[in-house]
Amino acid sequence: MCIRDSIAHFVAMVPFLADSQAFNDLPDMWCTSQEFIDMCAGDYEEHAVLLCNYFNYVDQAQGRVDYESYVIMGRGIPEGVTSYTMRRNKTTNHVEIWSSVAGECYFFCNEKYARSFLCIPCPEGERAGEHDSSCPLKEIGCIVGQNNIYVNIQGTVDPSSMFFNLENASQWKPFLTEANRHIYFPDGMSTVQEKELTYVETPSDLAKKLEELSLIHISEPTRPLYISYAVFCLKKKKKKK
């Protein structure tokens, strides 16, 4: 298991809690990553933002300057309006789309191809390449980065047939430009996120209760030629007599 899988697993282990359940009589709320950890629960946005922050931190710490992570705003099945995390290679524009509440990753890539007209070579073109058709994210409306918001203006919202070159203004329209950035941020951009996250140690009595739980491995067939998938259920051990 690579470090990104471990991070995604950790984020997915945080319980899901809809804003309507957590904040009565309040509109949609976006908590900071620290608030999310303190509450020990959150919805799609909190999971996606925390996973995005972790990915950016690890890539920067490991010197991967070609990679950057973002938060996707779109629609999925079955959740409807949702948020996912996207990790992009800024050189190839290949992306990993992560379901942050499930800890699952889906790959999408663009490929270049040579073009010609009447046997005359033309500049290389680009088309949608390999993609994971099992991705539950079906529509992408915009992508939120550290310094800008990119609105999808392509002829499709389907991630399997779109391009992820965020610098291409004919595909993604940036919300902030050199002309309007100072209007929204006259004193420069800042963040509401804490520089370092604080984690509370698990109480010993709760840890002891967790030790009384066991994992039961249940498997059932899914696709031909593939081994069945595993579903893990928690069940209390019966006390030995």
C-alpha atoms as a PDB file:
ATOM      1  CA  MET A   1       0.000   0.000   0.000  1.00  0.00           C
ATOM      2  CA  CYS A   2       1.500   3.338  -1.064  1.00  0.00           C
ATOM      3  CA  ILE A   3       1.381   6.435   1.104  1.00  0.00           C
ATOM      4  CA  ARG A   4      -1.550   7.932  -0.856  1.00  0.00           C
ATOM      5  CA  ASP A   5      -3.615   4.791  -0.272  1.00  0.00           C
ATOM      6  CA  SER A   6      -2.841   4.988   3.445  1.00  0.00           C
ATOM      7  CA  ILE A   7      -3.836   8.659   3.574  1.00  0.00           C
ATOM      8  CA  ALA A   8      -7.055   8.018   1.654  1.00  0.00           C
ATOM      9  CA  HIS A   9      -7.897   5.119   3.980  1.00  0.00           C
ATOM     10  CA  PHE A  10      -7.389   7.341   7.022  1.00  0.00           C
ATOM     11  CA  VAL A  11      -9.669  10.076   5.647  1.00  0.00           C
ATOM     12  CA  ALA A  12     -12.330   7.561   4.604  1.00  0.00           C
ATOM     13  CA  MET A  13     -12.394   6.170   8.159  1.00  0.00           C
ATOM     14  CA  VAL A  14     -13.759   9.488   9.457  1.00  0.00           C
ATOM     15  CA  PRO A  15     -17.546   9.002   9.742  1.00  0.00           C
ATOM     16  CA  PHE A  16     -19.838  10.699   7.227  1.00  0.00           C
ATOM     17  CA  LEU A  17     -22.299  13.211   8.656  1.00  0.00           C
ATOM     18  CA  ALA A  18     -24.496  15.450   6.497  1.00  0.00           C
ATOM     19  CA  ASP A  19     -24.617  19.167   7.283  1.00  0.00           C
ATOM     20  CA  SER A  20     -28.357  18.920   7.895  1.00  0.00           C
ATOM     21  CA  GLN A  21     -27.640  16.524  10.755  1.00  0.00           C
ATOM     22  CA  ALA A  22     -24.664  18.396  12.192  1.00  0.00           C
ATOM     23  CA  PHE A  23     -25.972  21.980  11.895  1.00  0.00           C
ATOM     24  CA  ASN A  24     -29.683  22.481  12.445  1.00  0.00           C
ATOM     25  CA  ASP A  25     -31.295  25.476  10.738  1.00  0.00           C
ATOM     26  CA  LEU A  26     -28.055  26.422   8.986  1.00  0.00           C
ATOM     27  CA  PRO A  27     -27.201  26.385   5.267  1.00  0.00           C
ATOM     28  CA  ASP A  28     -24.485  24.242   3.748  1.00  0.00           C
ATOM     29  CA  MET A  29     -21.376  24.547   5.918  1.00  0.00           C
ATOM     30  CA  TRP A  30     -17.730  24.083   4.951  1.00  0.00           C
ATOM     31  CA  CYS A  31     -15.598  23.257   7.989  1.00  0.00           C
ATOM     32  CA  THR A  32     -11.846  23.662   8.106  1.00  0.00           C
ATOM     33  CA  SER A  33      -9.759  20.509   8.278  1.00  0.00           C
ATOM     34  CA  GLN A  34      -9.114  21.114  11.983  1.00  0.00           C
ATOM     35  CA  GLU A  35     -12.830  21.535  12.696  1.00  0.00           C
ATOM     36  CA  PHE A  36     -13.500  18.360  10.697  1.00  0.00           C
ATOM     37  CA  ILE A  37     -11.008  16.392  12.792  1.00  0.00           C
ATOM     38  CA  ASP A  38     -12.307  17.902  16.038  1.00  0.00           C
ATOM     39  CA  MET A  39     -15.899  16.967  15.162  1.00  0.00           C
ATOM     40  CA  CYS A  40     -14.814  13.468  14.063  1.00  0.00           C
ATOM     41  CA  ALA A  41     -17.395  13.624  11.272  1.00  0.00           C
ATOM     42  CA  GLY A  42     -18.259  15.546   8.121  1.00  0.00           C
ATOM     43  CA  ASP A  43     -19.761  15.303   4.656  1.00  0.00           C
ATOM     44  CA  TYR A  44     -18.314  15.160   1.133  1.00  0.00           C
ATOM     45  CA  GLU A  45     -16.695  18.604   1.214  1.00  0.00           C
ATOM     46  CA  GLU A  46     -14.819  18.064   4.480  1.00  0.00           C
ATOM     47  CA  HIS A  47     -13.490  14.681   3.351  1.00  0.00           C
ATOM     48  CA  ALA A  48     -12.425  16.041  -0.046  1.00  0.00           C
ATOM     49  CA  VAL A  49     -10.680  19.126   1.384  1.00  0.00           C
ATOM     50  CA  LEU A  50      -8.773  17.143   4.020  1.00  0.00           C
ATOM     51  CA  LEU A  51      -7.598  14.562   1.483  1.00  0.00           C
ATOM     52  CA  CYS A  52      -6.592  17.361  -0.915  1.00  0.00           C
ATOM     53  CA  ASN A  53      -4.574  19.079   1.813  1.00  0.00           C
ATOM     54  CA  TYR A  54      -2.820  15.849   2.755  1.00  0.00           C
ATOM     55  CA  PHE A  55      -1.907  15.079  -0.866  1.00  0.00           C
ATOM     56  CA  ASN A  56      -0.516  18.574  -1.465  1.00  0.00           C
ATOM     57  CA  TYR A  57       1.518  18.395   1.741  1.00  0.00           C
ATOM     58  CA  VAL A  58       3.039  14.997   0.885  1.00  0.00           C
ATOM     59  CA  ASP A  59       3.806  15.911  -2.738  1.00  0.00           C
ATOM     60  CA  GLN A  60       5.505  19.140  -1.654  1.00  0.00           C
ATOM     61  CA  ALA A  61       7.453  17.354   1.086  1.00  0.00           C
ATOM     62  CA  GLN A  62       8.658  14.737  -1.402  1.00  0.00           C
ATOM     63  CA  GLY A  63       9.603  17.315  -4.037  1.00  0.00           C
ATOM     64  CA  ARG A  64       6.945  16.346  -6.591  1.00  0.00           C
ATOM     65  CA  VAL A  65       6.612  19.804  -8.134  1.00  0.00           C
ATOM     66  CA  ASP A  66       4.680  18.468 -11.127  1.00  0.00           C
ATOM     67  CA  TYR A  67       1.762  17.350  -8.970  1.00  0.00           C
ATOM     68  CA  GLU A  68      -1.036  19.369  -7.437  1.00  0.00           C
ATOM     69  CA  SER A  69      -4.330  18.351  -5.850  1.00  0.00           C
ATOM     70  CA  TYR A  70      -7.734  20.010  -6.115  1.00  0.00           C
ATOM     71  CA  VAL A  71     -11.345  19.657  -4.959  1.00  0.00           C
ATOM     72  CA  ILE A  72     -13.894  18.700  -7.608  1.00  0.00           C
ATOM     73  CA  MET A  73     -17.476  19.952  -7.431  1.00  0.00           C
ATOM     74  CA  GLY A  74     -19.862  17.781  -9.391  1.00  0.00           C
ATOM     75  CA  ARG A  75     -22.472  15.053  -9.345  1.00  0.00           C
ATOM     76  CA  GLY A  76     -22.048  11.380  -8.644  1.00  0.00           C
ATOM     77  CA  ILE A  77     -24.022   8.181  -8.329  1.00  0.00           C
ATOM     78  CA  PRO A  78     -25.648   7.597  -5.913  1.00  0.00           C
ATOM     79  CA  GLU A  79     -24.776  10.664  -3.810  1.00  0.00           C
ATOM     80  CA  GLY A  80     -25.949  13.395  -6.211  1.00  0.00           C
ATOM     81  CA  VAL A  81     -24.242  16.754  -5.605  1.00  0.00           C
ATOM     82  CA  THR A  82     -20.838  15.835  -4.247  1.00  0.00           C
ATOM     83  CA  SER A  83     -17.153  16.664  -3.879  1.00  0.00           C
ATOM     84  CA  TYR A  84     -14.177  14.532  -4.883  1.00  0.00           C
ATOM     85  CA  THR A  85     -10.422  15.023  -4.680  1.00  0.00           C
ATOM     86  CA  MET A  86      -8.320  15.254  -7.837  1.00  0.00           C
ATOM     87  CA  ARG A  87      -4.541  14.816  -8.019  1.00  0.00           C
ATOM     88  CA  ARG A  88      -3.097  16.066 -11.312  1.00  0.00           C
ATOM     89  CA  ASN A  89       0.208  15.702 -13.078  1.00  0.00           C
ATOM     90  CA  LYS A  90       0.638  19.239 -14.445  1.00  0.00           C
ATOM     91  CA  THR A  91       2.979  18.012 -17.195  1.00  0.00           C
ATOM     92  CA  THR A  92       0.898  15.186 -18.688  1.00  0.00           C
ATOM     93  CA  ASN A  93      -2.512  16.285 -17.310  1.00  0.00           C
ATOM     94  CA  HIS A  94      -3.164  12.714 -16.224  1.00  0.00           C
ATOM     95  CA  VAL A  95      -5.333  12.732 -13.121  1.00  0.00           C
ATOM     96  CA  GLU A  96      -6.328  10.565 -10.197  1.00  0.00           C
ATOM     97  CA  ILE A  97      -9.895  11.147  -9.045  1.00  0.00           C
ATOM     98  CA  TRP A  98     -10.421  10.038  -5.462  1.00  0.00           C
ATOM     99  CA  SER A  99     -13.681   9.316  -3.692  1.00  0.00           C
ATOM    100  CA  SER A 100     -12.595  10.703  -0.334  1.00  0.00           C
ATOM    101  CA  VAL A 101     -15.474   9.139   1.626  1.00  0.00           C
ATOM    102  CA  ALA A 102     -14.703   5.679   0.202  1.00  0.00           C
ATOM    103  CA  GLY A 103     -10.924   5.921  -0.187  1.00  0.00           C
ATOM    104  CA  GLU A 104     -11.072   4.702  -3.791  1.00  0.00           C
ATOM    105  CA  CYS A 105      -9.030   6.015  -6.728  1.00  0.00           C
ATOM    106  CA  TYR A 106      -9.924   6.235 -10.433  1.00  0.00           C
ATOM    107  CA  PHE A 107      -7.451   7.082 -13.213  1.00  0.00           C
ATOM    108  CA  PHE A 108      -8.038   9.326 -16.218  1.00  0.00           C
ATOM    109  CA  CYS A 109      -5.488  10.302 -18.831  1.00  0.00           C
ATOM    110  CA  ASN A 110      -5.239  12.296 -22.055  1.00  0.00           C
ATOM    111  CA  GLU A 111      -3.095  11.143 -24.974  1.00  0.00           C
ATOM    112  CA  LYS A 112      -1.436  12.977 -27.833  1.00  0.00           C
ATOM    113  CA  TYR A 113      -1.744  11.840 -31.425  1.00  0.00           C
ATOM    114  CA  ALA A 114      -0.253  12.921 -34.739  1.00  0.00           C
ATOM    115  CA  ARG A 115      -2.535  14.598 -37.257  1.00  0.00           C
ATOM    116  CA  SER A 116      -2.194  15.133 -40.988  1.00  0.00           C
ATOM    117  CA  PHE A 117      -4.205  16.791 -43.762  1.00  0.00           C
ATOM    118  CA  LEU A 118      -3.646  15.672 -47.364  1.00  0.00           C
ATOM    119  CA  CYS A 119      -0.471  13.911 -46.232  1.00  0.00           C
ATOM    120  CA  ILE A 120       0.802  17.172 -44.709  1.00  0.00           C
ATOM    121  CA  PRO A 121       1.839  16.778 -41.039  1.00  0.00           C
ATOM    122  CA  CYS A 122      -0.030  19.030 -38.630  1.00  0.00           C
ATOM    123  CA  PRO A 123       0.661  19.845 -34.984  1.00  0.00           C
ATOM    124  CA  GLU A 124      -0.117  17.129 -32.492  1.00  0.00           C
ATOM    125  CA  GLY A 125      -3.653  16.921 -31.181  1.00  0.00           C
ATOM    126  CA  GLU A 126      -5.004  15.667 -27.873  1.00  0.00           C
ATOM    127  CA  ARG A 127      -7.838  13.337 -27.065  1.00  0.00           C
ATOM    128  CA  ALA A 128      -9.291  11.587 -24.059  1.00  0.00           C
ATOM    129  CA  GLY A 129      -7.348   8.404 -23.358  1.00  0.00           C
ATOM    130  CA  GLU A 130      -7.765   5.578 -20.892  1.00  0.00           C
ATOM    131  CA  HIS A 131     -10.213   6.073 -18.063  1.00  0.00           C
ATOM    132  CA  ASP A 132     -11.888   4.098 -15.327  1.00  0.00           C
ATOM    133  CA  SER A 133     -15.513   3.597 -16.326  1.00  0.00           C
ATOM    134  CA  SER A 134     -16.403   2.439 -12.821  1.00  0.00           C
ATOM    135  CA  CYS A 135     -15.874   5.928 -11.385  1.00  0.00           C
ATOM    136  CA  PRO A 136     -19.098   7.012  -9.631  1.00  0.00           C
ATOM    137  CA  LEU A 137     -18.381  10.688 -10.415  1.00  0.00           C
ATOM    138  CA  LYS A 138     -20.413  11.394 -13.549  1.00  0.00           C
ATOM    139  CA  GLU A 139     -20.335  15.196 -13.857  1.00  0.00           C
ATOM    140  CA  ILE A 140     -17.711  17.850 -13.168  1.00  0.00           C
ATOM    141  CA  GLY A 141     -18.857  21.458 -12.918  1.00  0.00           C
ATOM    142  CA  CYS A 142     -15.786  23.168 -11.492  1.00  0.00           C
ATOM    143  CA  ILE A 143     -12.443  22.421  -9.885  1.00  0.00           C
ATOM    144  CA  VAL A 144     -11.148  24.339  -6.865  1.00  0.00           C
ATOM    145  CA  GLY A 145      -7.392  24.794  -6.477  1.00  0.00           C
ATOM    146  CA  GLN A 146      -5.165  26.586  -4.005  1.00  0.00           C
ATOM    147  CA  ASN A 147      -5.125  29.810  -6.013  1.00  0.00           C
ATOM    148  CA  ASN A 148      -8.137  29.702  -8.297  1.00  0.00           C
ATOM    149  CA  ILE A 149     -11.463  28.143  -9.242  1.00  0.00           C
ATOM    150  CA  TYR A 150     -11.746  26.632 -12.715  1.00  0.00           C
ATOM    151  CA  VAL A 151     -15.171  26.428 -14.363  1.00  0.00           C
ATOM    152  CA  ASN A 152     -15.742  23.672 -16.889  1.00  0.00           C
ATOM    153  CA  ILE A 153     -16.661  25.226 -20.260  1.00  0.00           C
ATOM    154  CA  GLN A 154     -16.086  22.122 -22.363  1.00  0.00           C
ATOM    155  CA  GLY A 155     -18.894  20.564 -24.337  1.00  0.00           C
ATOM    156  CA  THR A 156     -19.176  17.745 -21.829  1.00  0.00           C
ATOM    157  CA  VAL A 157     -19.381  17.279 -18.069  1.00  0.00           C
ATOM    158  CA  ASP A 158     -18.444  13.601 -18.262  1.00  0.00           C
ATOM    159  CA  PRO A 159     -14.925  13.159 -16.780  1.00  0.00           C
ATOM    160  CA  SER A 160     -14.216  10.245 -19.131  1.00  0.00           C
ATOM    161  CA  SER A 161     -14.460  12.492 -22.201  1.00  0.00           C
ATOM    162  CA  MET A 162     -13.027  15.791 -20.949  1.00  0.00           C
ATOM    163  CA  PHE A 163      -9.547  17.281 -20.689  1.00  0.00           C
ATOM    164  CA  PHE A 164      -7.811  18.326 -17.495  1.00  0.00           C
ATOM    165  CA  ASN A 165      -5.410  20.973 -18.767  1.00  0.00           C
ATOM    166  CA  LEU A 166      -6.557  23.694 -16.385  1.00  0.00           C
ATOM    167  CA  GLU A 167      -4.275  26.221 -18.074  1.00  0.00           C
ATOM    168  CA  ASN A 168      -6.228  25.865 -21.336  1.00  0.00           C
ATOM    169  CA  ALA A 169      -8.695  28.784 -21.272  1.00  0.00           C
ATOM    170  CA  SER A 170     -10.825  27.199 -24.002  1.00  0.00           C
ATOM    171  CA  GLN A 171     -11.578  24.260 -21.679  1.00  0.00           C
ATOM    172  CA  TRP A 172     -11.485  25.784 -18.187  1.00  0.00           C
ATOM    173  CA  LYS A 173     -12.377  29.367 -17.341  1.00  0.00           C
ATOM    174  CA  PRO A 174     -10.575  30.709 -14.267  1.00  0.00           C
ATOM    175  CA  PHE A 175     -12.766  32.645 -11.857  1.00  0.00           C
ATOM    176  CA  LEU A 176      -9.866  34.846 -10.728  1.00  0.00           C
ATOM    177  CA  THR A 177      -7.916  36.818 -13.317  1.00  0.00           C
ATOM    178  CA  GLU A 178      -5.233  39.466 -13.145  1.00  0.00           C
ATOM    179  CA  ALA A 179      -7.966  42.045 -13.711  1.00  0.00           C
ATOM    180  CA  ASN A 180     -10.293  41.021 -10.879  1.00  0.00           C
ATOM    181  CA  ARG A 181      -8.048  39.294  -8.341  1.00  0.00           C
ATOM    182  CA  HIS A 182      -7.328  42.526  -6.465  1.00  0.00           C
ATOM    183  CA  ILE A 183     -11.076  43.239  -6.241  1.00  0.00           C
ATOM    184  CA  TYR A 184     -11.789  40.039  -4.326  1.00  0.00           C
ATOM    185  CA  PHE A 185      -8.480  39.958  -2.451  1.00  0.00           C
ATOM    186  CA  PRO A 186      -7.214  43.546  -2.065  1.00  0.00           C
ATOM    187  CA  ASP A 187      -4.797  42.470   0.673  1.00  0.00           C
ATOM    188  CA  GLY A 188      -3.688  39.290  -1.059  1.00  0.00           C
ATOM    189  CA  MET A 189      -4.984  35.743  -0.732  1.00  0.00           C
ATOM    190  CA  SER A 190      -5.007  34.040   2.651  1.00  0.00           C
ATOM    191  CA  THR A 191      -6.352  30.782   4.029  1.00  0.00           C
ATOM    192  CA  VAL A 192      -8.716  29.842   6.844  1.00  0.00           C
ATOM    193  CA  GLN A 193      -6.917  26.530   7.258  1.00  0.00           C
ATOM    194  CA  GLU A 194      -4.614  26.010  10.221  1.00  0.00           C
ATOM    195  CA  LYS A 195      -0.928  25.685   9.368  1.00  0.00           C
ATOM    196  CA  GLU A 196      -0.637  22.522  11.449  1.00  0.00           C
ATOM    197  CA  LEU A 197      -3.376  20.137  12.503  1.00  0.00           C
ATOM    198  CA  THR A 198      -3.794  19.025  16.101  1.00  0.00           C
ATOM    199  CA  TYR A 199      -4.762  15.425  16.817  1.00  0.00           C
ATOM    200  CA  VAL A 200      -6.254  14.214  20.097  1.00  0.00           C
ATOM    201  CA  GLU A 201      -5.009  10.926  21.488  1.00  0.00           C
ATOM    202  CA  THR A 202      -7.629   8.189  21.666  1.00  0.00           C
ATOM    203  CA  PRO A 203      -8.795   7.622  25.281  1.00  0.00           C
ATOM    204  CA  SER A 204      -7.550   4.336  26.741  1.00  0.00           C
ATOM    205  CA  ASP A 205     -11.059   3.139  27.614  1.00  0.00           C
ATOM    206  CA  LEU A 206     -12.223   3.654  24.035  1.00  0.00           C
ATOM    207  CA  ALA A 207      -9.131   1.881  22.707  1.00  0.00           C
ATOM    208  CA  LYS A 208      -9.953  -1.074  24.961  1.00  0.00           C
ATOM    209  CA  LYS A 209     -13.490  -1.223  23.582  1.00  0.00           C
ATOM    210  CA  LEU A 210     -12.111  -1.238  20.055  1.00  0.00           C
ATOM    211  CA  GLU A 211      -9.954  -4.230  20.956  1.00  0.00           C
ATOM    212  CA  GLU A 212     -13.154  -6.131  21.718  1.00  0.00           C
ATOM    213  CA  LEU A 213     -14.243  -5.761  18.101  1.00  0.00           C
ATOM    214  CA  SER A 214     -13.311  -8.271  15.437  1.00  0.00           C
ATOM    215  CA  LEU A 215     -13.325  -8.091  11.644  1.00  0.00           C
ATOM    216  CA  ILE A 216     -15.429 -10.620   9.819  1.00  0.00           C
ATOM    217  CA  HIS A 217     -14.457 -11.176   6.225  1.00  0.00           C
ATOM    218  CA  ILE A 218     -17.479 -11.548   3.969  1.00  0.00           C
ATOM    219  CA  SER A 219     -16.985 -12.009   0.257  1.00  0.00           C
ATOM    220  CA  GLU A 220     -19.338 -12.406  -2.657  1.00  0.00           C
ATOM    221  CA  PRO A 221     -18.768 -12.720  -6.410  1.00  0.00           C
ATOM    222  CA  THR A 222     -18.835  -9.538  -8.477  1.00  0.00           C
ATOM    223  CA  ARG A 223     -17.352  -9.616 -11.975  1.00  0.00           C
ATOM    224  CA  PRO A 224     -16.267 -12.581 -14.122  1.00  0.00           C
ATOM    225  CA  LEU A 225     -12.533 -13.354 -13.998  1.00  0.00           C
ATOM    226  CA  TYR A 226     -12.178 -11.228 -10.881  1.00  0.00           C
ATOM    227  CA  ILE A 227     -11.874 -12.389  -7.307  1.00  0.00           C
ATOM    228  CA  SER A 228     -14.769 -11.399  -5.107  1.00  0.00           C
ATOM    229  CA  TYR A 229     -14.557  -8.150  -3.181  1.00  0.00           C
ATOM    230  CA  ALA A 230     -14.330  -8.005   0.578  1.00  0.00           C
ATOM    231  CA  VAL A 231     -16.778  -6.318   2.877  1.00  0.00           C
ATOM    232  CA  PHE A 232     -15.590  -5.791   6.422  1.00  0.00           C
ATOM    233  CA  CYS A 233     -18.111  -5.746   9.205  1.00  0.00           C
ATOM    234  CA  LEU A 234     -17.520  -5.006  12.859  1.00  0.00           C
ATOM    235  CA  LYS A 235     -18.938  -7.350  15.426  1.00  0.00           C
ATOM    236  CA  LYS A 236     -18.340  -7.556  19.143  1.00  0.00           C
ATOM    237  CA  LYS A 237     -16.570 -10.632  20.392  1.00  0.00           C
ATOM    238  CA  LYS A 238     -18.570 -12.773  22.673  1.00  0.00           C
ATOM    239  CA  LYS A 239     -17.149 -12.859  26.137  1.00  0.00           C
ATOM    240  CA  LYS A 240     -15.541 -16.150  26.943  1.00  0.00           C
ATOM    241  CA  LYS A 241     -17.325 -18.006  29.644  1.00  0.00           C
END
